[in-house]
């Protein structure tokens, strides 16, 4: 059998068939992000507004009509609190950890979408 590219050493455990069965896989995260973007005008065509930036946090929002989604990214390798007035009271729609997490807290290297 002729192959275009060599297979990775972990091809038996890191592949689409395996990731489709894992609700916390990278494939699941990408599919959920695509689903949210298609369902939310704020994420697909909404206006961009930068809400907060420091050395570790980058927080911005996307708005369209009455819809607003806040994207909060923690680039630190440690937990960070969301700044007051920047979405801590909002409902979490998605986390890169693919779980609920703690309201108002970003874990290390986490990104969240808030409504």
N, C-alpha and C. Protein backbone atom coordinates (compact mmCIF):
# COMPACT_ATOMS: atom_id res chain seq x y z
N UNK A 1 0.85 -1.18 0.00
CA UNK A 1 0.00 0.00 0.00
C UNK A 1 0.89 1.24 0.00
N UNK A 2 0.60 2.14 -0.85
CA UNK A 2 1.39 3.37 -0.98
C UNK A 2 0.73 4.49 -0.18
N UNK A 3 1.50 5.20 0.62
CA UNK A 3 0.98 6.29 1.44
C UNK A 3 1.63 7.60 1.00
N UNK A 4 0.86 8.66 1.11
CA UNK A 4 1.39 9.98 0.76
C UNK A 4 2.31 10.50 1.84
N UNK A 5 1.90 10.33 3.09
CA UNK A 5 2.69 10.80 4.23
C UNK A 5 2.84 9.66 5.22
N UNK A 6 3.93 9.64 5.96
CA UNK A 6 4.08 8.59 6.97
C UNK A 6 3.07 8.77 8.10
N UNK A 7 2.65 7.67 8.69
CA UNK A 7 1.72 7.73 9.82
C UNK A 7 2.48 8.09 11.09
N UNK A 8 1.82 8.83 11.97
CA UNK A 8 2.42 9.16 13.26
C UNK A 8 2.51 7.90 14.11
N UNK A 9 3.42 7.90 15.06
CA UNK A 9 3.60 6.74 15.93
C UNK A 9 2.35 6.41 16.73
N UNK A 10 1.54 7.44 17.06
CA UNK A 10 0.36 7.22 17.89
C UNK A 10 -0.94 7.14 17.07
N UNK A 11 -0.85 6.78 15.80
CA UNK A 11 -2.03 6.78 14.93
C UNK A 11 -3.15 5.88 15.44
N UNK A 12 -2.84 4.85 16.18
CA UNK A 12 -3.87 3.92 16.65
C UNK A 12 -4.71 4.52 17.78
N UNK A 13 -4.16 5.48 18.52
CA UNK A 13 -4.90 6.09 19.64
C UNK A 13 -5.30 7.53 19.38
N UNK A 14 -4.65 8.20 18.45
CA UNK A 14 -4.97 9.59 18.11
C UNK A 14 -5.49 9.65 16.69
N UNK A 15 -6.79 9.46 16.55
CA UNK A 15 -7.41 9.48 15.24
C UNK A 15 -8.87 9.88 15.37
N UNK A 16 -9.51 10.15 14.27
CA UNK A 16 -10.90 10.62 14.28
C UNK A 16 -11.83 9.60 14.92
N UNK A 17 -11.67 8.33 14.62
CA UNK A 17 -12.55 7.30 15.18
C UNK A 17 -12.51 7.31 16.70
N UNK A 18 -11.34 7.48 17.28
CA UNK A 18 -11.19 7.52 18.74
C UNK A 18 -11.76 8.83 19.27
N UNK A 19 -11.44 9.95 18.62
CA UNK A 19 -11.89 11.25 19.12
C UNK A 19 -13.40 11.42 19.01
N UNK A 20 -14.04 10.78 18.03
CA UNK A 20 -15.50 10.86 17.91
C UNK A 20 -16.20 10.27 19.13
N UNK A 21 -15.58 9.33 19.80
CA UNK A 21 -16.16 8.67 20.97
C UNK A 21 -15.86 9.42 22.26
N UNK A 22 -14.97 10.40 22.21
CA UNK A 22 -14.54 11.13 23.40
C UNK A 22 -15.17 12.52 23.43
N UNK A 23 -16.14 12.77 24.33
CA UNK A 23 -16.79 14.08 24.37
C UNK A 23 -15.86 15.22 24.79
N UNK A 24 -14.65 14.90 25.26
CA UNK A 24 -13.70 15.94 25.67
C UNK A 24 -12.49 16.02 24.74
N UNK A 25 -12.63 15.50 23.53
CA UNK A 25 -11.52 15.51 22.57
C UNK A 25 -11.44 16.85 21.85
N UNK A 26 -10.32 17.07 21.17
CA UNK A 26 -10.14 18.28 20.37
C UNK A 26 -11.17 18.32 19.24
N UNK A 27 -11.49 17.17 18.67
CA UNK A 27 -12.51 17.11 17.63
C UNK A 27 -13.86 17.57 18.16
N UNK A 28 -14.22 17.13 19.37
CA UNK A 28 -15.48 17.55 19.98
C UNK A 28 -15.50 19.06 20.22
N UNK A 29 -14.38 19.61 20.66
CA UNK A 29 -14.29 21.06 20.88
C UNK A 29 -14.49 21.81 19.57
N UNK A 30 -13.81 21.42 18.52
CA UNK A 30 -13.95 22.10 17.24
C UNK A 30 -15.37 22.00 16.70
N UNK A 31 -15.98 20.85 16.83
CA UNK A 31 -17.35 20.69 16.35
C UNK A 31 -18.32 21.58 17.12
N UNK A 32 -18.12 21.68 18.42
CA UNK A 32 -18.98 22.54 19.25
C UNK A 32 -18.78 24.01 18.89
N UNK A 33 -17.52 24.42 18.66
CA UNK A 33 -17.24 25.80 18.26
C UNK A 33 -17.90 26.13 16.92
N UNK A 34 -17.82 25.23 15.98
CA UNK A 34 -18.44 25.45 14.67
C UNK A 34 -19.96 25.54 14.81
N UNK A 35 -20.53 24.67 15.63
CA UNK A 35 -21.98 24.69 15.88
C UNK A 35 -22.41 26.03 16.49
N UNK A 36 -21.67 26.51 17.46
CA UNK A 36 -21.99 27.80 18.09
C UNK A 36 -21.87 28.95 17.11
N UNK A 37 -20.84 28.93 16.30
CA UNK A 37 -20.65 30.02 15.32
C UNK A 37 -21.79 30.05 14.32
N UNK A 38 -22.23 28.89 13.88
CA UNK A 38 -23.35 28.83 12.93
C UNK A 38 -24.66 29.29 13.56
N UNK A 39 -24.84 29.03 14.85
CA UNK A 39 -26.09 29.35 15.53
C UNK A 39 -26.15 30.78 16.06
N UNK A 40 -25.02 31.46 16.15
CA UNK A 40 -24.98 32.78 16.78
C UNK A 40 -24.57 33.86 15.80
N UNK A 41 -25.49 34.77 15.47
CA UNK A 41 -25.11 35.89 14.61
C UNK A 41 -23.97 36.72 15.22
N UNK A 42 -23.94 36.83 16.54
CA UNK A 42 -22.87 37.59 17.19
C UNK A 42 -21.51 36.99 16.86
N UNK A 43 -21.40 35.67 16.83
CA UNK A 43 -20.12 35.03 16.54
C UNK A 43 -19.80 34.99 15.05
N UNK A 44 -20.82 34.97 14.20
CA UNK A 44 -20.54 34.85 12.77
C UNK A 44 -20.37 36.20 12.07
N UNK A 45 -21.18 37.20 12.44
CA UNK A 45 -21.09 38.50 11.75
C UNK A 45 -21.06 39.67 12.72
N UNK A 46 -21.03 39.39 14.01
CA UNK A 46 -21.11 40.45 15.01
C UNK A 46 -19.91 41.38 15.04
N UNK A 47 -20.15 42.57 15.54
CA UNK A 47 -19.09 43.57 15.70
C UNK A 47 -18.16 43.14 16.84
N UNK A 48 -16.90 43.46 16.68
CA UNK A 48 -15.86 43.11 17.66
C UNK A 48 -15.63 44.29 18.60
N UNK A 49 -15.48 43.99 19.90
CA UNK A 49 -15.09 45.02 20.86
C UNK A 49 -14.13 44.42 21.88
N UNK A 50 -12.99 45.03 22.04
CA UNK A 50 -12.01 44.58 23.05
C UNK A 50 -12.49 45.07 24.41
N UNK A 51 -12.62 44.16 25.37
CA UNK A 51 -13.15 44.51 26.69
C UNK A 51 -12.07 44.62 27.77
N UNK A 52 -11.03 43.78 27.68
CA UNK A 52 -10.01 43.79 28.73
C UNK A 52 -8.78 43.06 28.22
N UNK A 53 -7.61 43.62 28.53
CA UNK A 53 -6.34 42.99 28.16
C UNK A 53 -5.33 43.26 29.26
N UNK A 54 -4.59 42.23 29.65
CA UNK A 54 -3.41 42.40 30.50
C UNK A 54 -2.39 41.36 30.06
N UNK A 55 -1.38 41.11 30.87
CA UNK A 55 -0.33 40.18 30.46
C UNK A 55 -0.84 38.76 30.24
N UNK A 56 -1.92 38.36 30.94
CA UNK A 56 -2.41 36.98 30.88
C UNK A 56 -3.78 36.84 30.25
N UNK A 57 -4.62 37.85 30.37
CA UNK A 57 -6.00 37.75 29.91
C UNK A 57 -6.25 38.58 28.66
N UNK A 58 -7.04 38.03 27.77
CA UNK A 58 -7.52 38.75 26.60
C UNK A 58 -9.01 38.48 26.54
N UNK A 59 -9.82 39.52 26.71
CA UNK A 59 -11.27 39.37 26.75
C UNK A 59 -11.88 40.32 25.74
N UNK A 60 -12.70 39.77 24.87
CA UNK A 60 -13.39 40.60 23.89
C UNK A 60 -14.82 40.12 23.72
N UNK A 61 -15.65 40.94 23.10
CA UNK A 61 -17.03 40.54 22.87
C UNK A 61 -17.37 40.71 21.40
N UNK A 62 -18.39 39.97 21.00
CA UNK A 62 -18.96 40.05 19.66
C UNK A 62 -20.44 40.31 19.85
N UNK A 63 -20.97 41.32 19.14
CA UNK A 63 -22.37 41.70 19.28
C UNK A 63 -23.05 41.81 17.93
N UNK A 64 -24.30 41.35 17.89
CA UNK A 64 -25.13 41.49 16.72
C UNK A 64 -26.58 41.56 17.19
N UNK A 65 -27.23 42.67 16.92
CA UNK A 65 -28.59 42.86 17.41
C UNK A 65 -28.62 42.78 18.92
N UNK A 66 -29.49 41.95 19.47
CA UNK A 66 -29.58 41.80 20.92
C UNK A 66 -28.61 40.76 21.45
N UNK A 67 -27.93 40.04 20.56
CA UNK A 67 -27.03 38.98 21.00
C UNK A 67 -25.62 39.48 21.28
N UNK A 68 -25.06 39.01 22.38
CA UNK A 68 -23.69 39.36 22.75
C UNK A 68 -23.00 38.12 23.32
N UNK A 69 -21.81 37.84 22.84
CA UNK A 69 -21.01 36.73 23.34
C UNK A 69 -19.66 37.30 23.77
N UNK A 70 -19.24 36.94 24.96
CA UNK A 70 -17.93 37.35 25.46
C UNK A 70 -16.98 36.17 25.34
N UNK A 71 -15.81 36.43 24.79
CA UNK A 71 -14.76 35.43 24.67
C UNK A 71 -13.66 35.82 25.64
N UNK A 72 -13.37 34.96 26.61
CA UNK A 72 -12.34 35.24 27.61
C UNK A 72 -11.25 34.18 27.49
N UNK A 73 -10.02 34.64 27.29
CA UNK A 73 -8.89 33.74 27.10
C UNK A 73 -7.85 33.99 28.18
N UNK A 74 -7.42 32.92 28.83
CA UNK A 74 -6.37 32.99 29.86
C UNK A 74 -5.12 32.34 29.29
N UNK A 75 -4.09 33.15 29.04
CA UNK A 75 -2.84 32.63 28.49
C UNK A 75 -1.85 32.25 29.59
N UNK A 76 -2.23 32.45 30.84
CA UNK A 76 -1.36 32.10 31.96
C UNK A 76 -1.44 30.60 32.23
N UNK A 77 -0.39 30.08 32.81
CA UNK A 77 -0.37 28.67 33.21
C UNK A 77 -0.86 28.54 34.64
N UNK A 78 -1.69 29.50 35.07
CA UNK A 78 -2.26 29.50 36.41
C UNK A 78 -3.69 30.05 36.32
N UNK A 79 -4.49 29.75 37.31
CA UNK A 79 -5.87 30.21 37.38
C UNK A 79 -5.92 31.73 37.50
N UNK A 80 -6.92 32.35 36.86
CA UNK A 80 -7.13 33.79 36.94
C UNK A 80 -8.61 34.07 37.13
N UNK A 81 -8.91 35.11 37.89
CA UNK A 81 -10.29 35.57 38.08
C UNK A 81 -10.66 36.50 36.92
N UNK A 82 -11.91 36.42 36.49
CA UNK A 82 -12.38 37.41 35.52
C UNK A 82 -12.46 38.76 36.22
N UNK A 83 -12.05 39.82 35.57
CA UNK A 83 -12.12 41.15 36.19
C UNK A 83 -13.58 41.53 36.45
N UNK A 84 -13.84 42.33 37.48
CA UNK A 84 -15.21 42.77 37.77
C UNK A 84 -15.82 43.49 36.56
N UNK A 85 -17.07 43.20 36.28
CA UNK A 85 -17.78 43.86 35.20
C UNK A 85 -17.44 43.37 33.81
N UNK A 86 -16.69 42.29 33.69
CA UNK A 86 -16.30 41.79 32.37
C UNK A 86 -16.83 40.36 32.17
N UNK A 87 -18.06 40.12 32.52
CA UNK A 87 -18.69 38.85 32.18
C UNK A 87 -18.79 37.80 33.26
N UNK A 88 -18.29 38.07 34.47
CA UNK A 88 -18.32 37.05 35.52
C UNK A 88 -19.74 36.61 35.85
N UNK A 89 -20.71 37.50 35.63
CA UNK A 89 -22.10 37.18 35.96
C UNK A 89 -22.82 36.45 34.82
N UNK A 90 -22.18 36.30 33.71
CA UNK A 90 -22.81 35.69 32.53
C UNK A 90 -22.70 34.16 32.56
N UNK A 91 -23.59 33.53 31.80
CA UNK A 91 -23.64 32.07 31.70
C UNK A 91 -22.56 31.57 30.75
N UNK A 92 -21.82 30.57 31.19
CA UNK A 92 -20.79 29.96 30.34
C UNK A 92 -21.45 29.05 29.32
N UNK A 93 -21.10 29.27 28.06
CA UNK A 93 -21.64 28.47 26.96
C UNK A 93 -20.69 27.35 26.61
N UNK A 94 -19.39 27.63 26.66
CA UNK A 94 -18.39 26.64 26.28
C UNK A 94 -17.06 26.96 26.94
N UNK A 95 -16.34 25.92 27.30
CA UNK A 95 -14.98 26.04 27.82
C UNK A 95 -14.08 25.13 27.00
N UNK A 96 -12.83 25.53 26.84
CA UNK A 96 -11.89 24.65 26.14
C UNK A 96 -11.62 23.39 26.94
N UNK A 97 -11.99 23.38 28.22
CA UNK A 97 -11.89 22.17 29.03
C UNK A 97 -13.10 21.26 28.80
N UNK A 98 -14.11 21.77 28.09
CA UNK A 98 -15.34 21.04 27.78
C UNK A 98 -16.07 20.55 29.03
N UNK A 99 -16.10 21.41 30.04
CA UNK A 99 -16.90 21.14 31.23
C UNK A 99 -17.42 22.48 31.75
N UNK A 100 -18.12 22.44 32.87
CA UNK A 100 -18.76 23.66 33.38
C UNK A 100 -17.78 24.63 34.03
N UNK A 101 -16.79 24.16 34.73
CA UNK A 101 -15.86 25.07 35.40
C UNK A 101 -16.52 25.86 36.52
N UNK A 102 -15.78 26.78 37.09
CA UNK A 102 -16.27 27.61 38.19
C UNK A 102 -16.59 29.00 37.66
N UNK A 103 -17.79 29.53 37.92
CA UNK A 103 -18.15 30.86 37.41
C UNK A 103 -17.15 31.94 37.83
N UNK A 104 -16.77 32.78 36.90
CA UNK A 104 -15.88 33.89 37.20
C UNK A 104 -14.41 33.54 37.27
N UNK A 105 -14.08 32.27 37.02
CA UNK A 105 -12.69 31.82 37.13
C UNK A 105 -12.26 31.18 35.81
N UNK A 106 -11.08 31.57 35.34
CA UNK A 106 -10.49 30.93 34.19
C UNK A 106 -9.33 30.07 34.65
N UNK A 107 -9.38 28.80 34.32
CA UNK A 107 -8.28 27.90 34.67
C UNK A 107 -7.09 28.16 33.77
N UNK A 108 -5.97 27.53 34.08
CA UNK A 108 -4.78 27.75 33.29
C UNK A 108 -5.03 27.41 31.82
N UNK A 109 -4.59 28.30 30.95
CA UNK A 109 -4.68 28.10 29.50
C UNK A 109 -6.09 27.81 29.01
N UNK A 110 -7.08 28.40 29.66
CA UNK A 110 -8.47 28.13 29.31
C UNK A 110 -9.07 29.28 28.50
N UNK A 111 -9.97 28.93 27.61
CA UNK A 111 -10.80 29.91 26.91
C UNK A 111 -12.25 29.57 27.16
N UNK A 112 -13.08 30.58 27.35
CA UNK A 112 -14.52 30.36 27.57
C UNK A 112 -15.33 31.32 26.72
N UNK A 113 -16.53 30.90 26.37
CA UNK A 113 -17.53 31.75 25.73
C UNK A 113 -18.63 31.95 26.74
N UNK A 114 -19.03 33.21 26.91
CA UNK A 114 -20.05 33.57 27.89
C UNK A 114 -21.19 34.32 27.19
N UNK A 115 -22.43 34.01 27.60
CA UNK A 115 -23.60 34.75 27.08
C UNK A 115 -24.22 35.56 28.18
